[in-house]
Amino acid sequence: MLGGAGPFLGRPSRIALAAMHDVSWLLYLPPTLERLSGYAAAGRRRGFFVLEELGVVHLLLDAEEPPFLLVRANVPSYGEQQLLLRLEDEEATRALLAQLELELAASTRPDAIGRVVAPGHAVELDGA
């Protein structure tokens, strides 16, 4: 399960592994159109933001340099959710991706891993 700040507008603050249908690299950070809740300071962003190309995204960014980990999930009672993560360094972000890949491969979602999204193309794990 990936988790972050509390819910906004009825959105969940945690996403179960079973709900994830896409985990991919995002090699750029789309422009921010609007901040719905949360903050952006000192290179960190937390909360719900509207990003160009992606729409509403729950950001958990400790750095604004790529790569970013984009998790998409269909959460019961909430619908489609997007979570964009970037840990303090690239190595930690890649380690999280590797852990998610292992968890997803062991689950019924091995098709959800391995995409890379480049410019111009449209935390807590518990295995639940």
Protein backbone atom coordinates (compact mmCIF):
# COMPACT_ATOMS: atom_id res chain seq x y z
CA MET A 1 0.00 0.00 0.00
CA LEU A 2 1.31 3.44 -0.86
CA GLY A 3 0.26 6.23 1.43
CA GLY A 4 0.57 9.93 1.91
CA ALA A 5 -1.19 12.90 3.38
CA GLY A 6 -4.83 12.73 4.41
CA PRO A 7 -7.76 12.66 2.00
CA PHE A 8 -8.87 15.65 -0.06
CA LEU A 9 -12.34 15.93 -1.54
CA GLY A 10 -13.09 12.34 -0.55
CA ARG A 11 -9.91 10.95 -2.11
CA PRO A 12 -8.09 8.11 -0.34
CA SER A 13 -4.75 8.74 1.36
CA ARG A 14 -3.57 5.17 0.70
CA ILE A 15 -3.65 3.02 -2.41
CA ALA A 16 -3.67 -0.77 -2.04
CA LEU A 17 -1.37 -2.80 -4.24
CA ALA A 18 -4.35 -4.77 -5.58
CA ALA A 19 -5.89 -1.53 -6.90
CA MET A 20 -2.79 -0.53 -8.92
CA HIS A 21 -3.07 -1.05 -12.66
CA ASP A 22 -0.08 0.95 -13.92
CA VAL A 23 3.33 1.75 -12.42
CA SER A 24 5.66 3.65 -14.71
CA TRP A 25 8.54 6.10 -14.92
CA LEU A 26 7.78 9.68 -15.80
CA LEU A 27 10.90 11.35 -17.23
CA TYR A 28 9.61 14.89 -16.79
CA LEU A 29 7.38 16.86 -14.43
CA PRO A 30 4.41 18.36 -16.32
CA PRO A 31 3.62 22.01 -15.55
CA THR A 32 1.40 22.63 -12.53
CA LEU A 33 -1.90 24.25 -13.45
CA GLU A 34 -3.43 24.44 -9.97
CA ARG A 35 -2.76 23.45 -6.36
CA LEU A 36 -5.90 21.97 -4.80
CA SER A 37 -4.45 21.23 -1.37
CA GLY A 38 -1.00 20.81 0.08
CA TYR A 39 2.21 22.76 -0.27
CA ALA A 40 5.23 23.33 -2.49
CA ALA A 41 8.40 24.59 -0.77
CA ALA A 42 12.14 23.94 -0.72
CA GLY A 43 11.96 21.53 -3.67
CA ARG A 44 9.24 19.41 -2.04
CA ARG A 45 5.59 19.09 -2.98
CA ARG A 46 2.89 17.33 -1.03
CA GLY A 47 -0.82 17.25 -1.74
CA PHE A 48 -3.22 17.30 -4.65
CA PHE A 49 -2.27 19.30 -7.74
CA VAL A 50 -3.64 19.60 -11.26
CA LEU A 51 -0.85 18.88 -13.74
CA GLU A 52 -0.94 19.49 -17.46
CA GLU A 53 -1.49 16.19 -19.35
CA LEU A 54 -2.25 14.22 -16.16
CA GLY A 55 -5.08 16.09 -14.43
CA VAL A 56 -5.48 15.68 -10.67
CA VAL A 57 -2.45 13.96 -9.14
CA HIS A 58 -1.46 13.26 -5.53
CA LEU A 59 2.14 14.48 -5.38
CA LEU A 60 4.68 13.14 -2.90
CA LEU A 61 7.87 14.73 -4.18
CA ASP A 62 11.06 15.13 -2.15
CA ALA A 63 12.88 16.43 -5.23
CA GLU A 64 11.75 17.93 -8.53
CA GLU A 65 14.35 16.25 -10.75
CA PRO A 66 13.34 13.21 -12.82
CA PRO A 67 12.72 10.36 -12.80
CA PHE A 68 9.35 10.20 -11.09
CA LEU A 69 7.28 7.15 -10.26
CA LEU A 70 3.70 7.40 -11.53
CA VAL A 71 1.21 5.01 -9.95
CA ARG A 72 -2.31 4.70 -11.34
CA ALA A 73 -4.98 2.79 -9.49
CA ASN A 74 -8.70 2.17 -9.62
CA VAL A 75 -9.71 2.52 -5.99
CA PRO A 76 -13.15 1.16 -4.99
CA SER A 77 -15.53 3.97 -4.02
CA TYR A 78 -13.06 6.61 -5.33
CA GLY A 79 -12.42 5.67 -8.94
CA GLU A 80 -9.24 6.41 -10.88
CA GLN A 81 -6.40 7.84 -8.75
CA GLN A 82 -2.89 8.98 -9.67
CA LEU A 83 0.10 9.23 -7.35
CA LEU A 84 3.41 10.79 -8.44
CA LEU A 85 6.41 10.03 -6.24
CA ARG A 86 10.03 11.17 -6.15
CA LEU A 87 12.12 10.31 -3.13
CA GLU A 88 15.17 12.33 -2.04
CA ASP A 89 17.47 10.70 -4.56
CA GLU A 90 17.13 8.71 -7.75
CA GLU A 91 18.55 5.57 -6.14
CA ALA A 92 15.82 5.53 -3.46
CA THR A 93 13.14 6.15 -6.11
CA ARG A 94 14.49 3.27 -8.21
CA ALA A 95 14.54 1.03 -5.11
CA LEU A 96 10.86 1.81 -4.52
CA LEU A 97 10.07 0.94 -8.15
CA ALA A 98 11.97 -2.34 -7.78
CA GLN A 99 10.02 -3.17 -4.61
CA LEU A 100 6.72 -2.37 -6.32
CA GLU A 101 7.72 -4.47 -9.35
CA LEU A 102 8.43 -7.44 -7.08
CA GLU A 103 5.13 -7.02 -5.24
CA LEU A 104 3.17 -6.62 -8.49
CA ALA A 105 4.91 -9.56 -10.16
CA ALA A 106 4.02 -11.74 -7.17
CA SER A 107 0.42 -10.56 -7.32
CA THR A 108 -2.06 -10.80 -10.15
CA ARG A 109 -0.80 -7.53 -11.71
CA PRO A 110 2.50 -8.30 -13.53
CA ASP A 111 1.17 -6.42 -16.58
CA ALA A 112 1.17 -3.16 -14.58
CA ILE A 113 4.93 -2.60 -14.59
CA GLY A 114 7.70 -1.37 -16.82
CA ARG A 115 6.51 1.59 -18.89
CA VAL A 116 8.55 4.75 -19.37
CA VAL A 117 6.74 7.99 -20.18
CA ALA A 118 8.80 10.66 -21.92
CA PRO A 119 8.01 14.35 -22.56
CA GLY A 120 5.29 14.94 -25.11
CA HIS A 121 3.44 11.72 -24.32
CA ALA A 122 0.29 11.99 -22.98
CA VAL A 123 5.18 5.38 1.27
CA GLU A 124 4.40 2.50 2.66
CA LEU A 125 4.05 -1.00 1.21
CA ASP A 126 2.04 -3.78 2.76
CA GLY A 127 1.05 -5.89 -0.26
CA ALA A 128 -2.67 -5.51 0.46
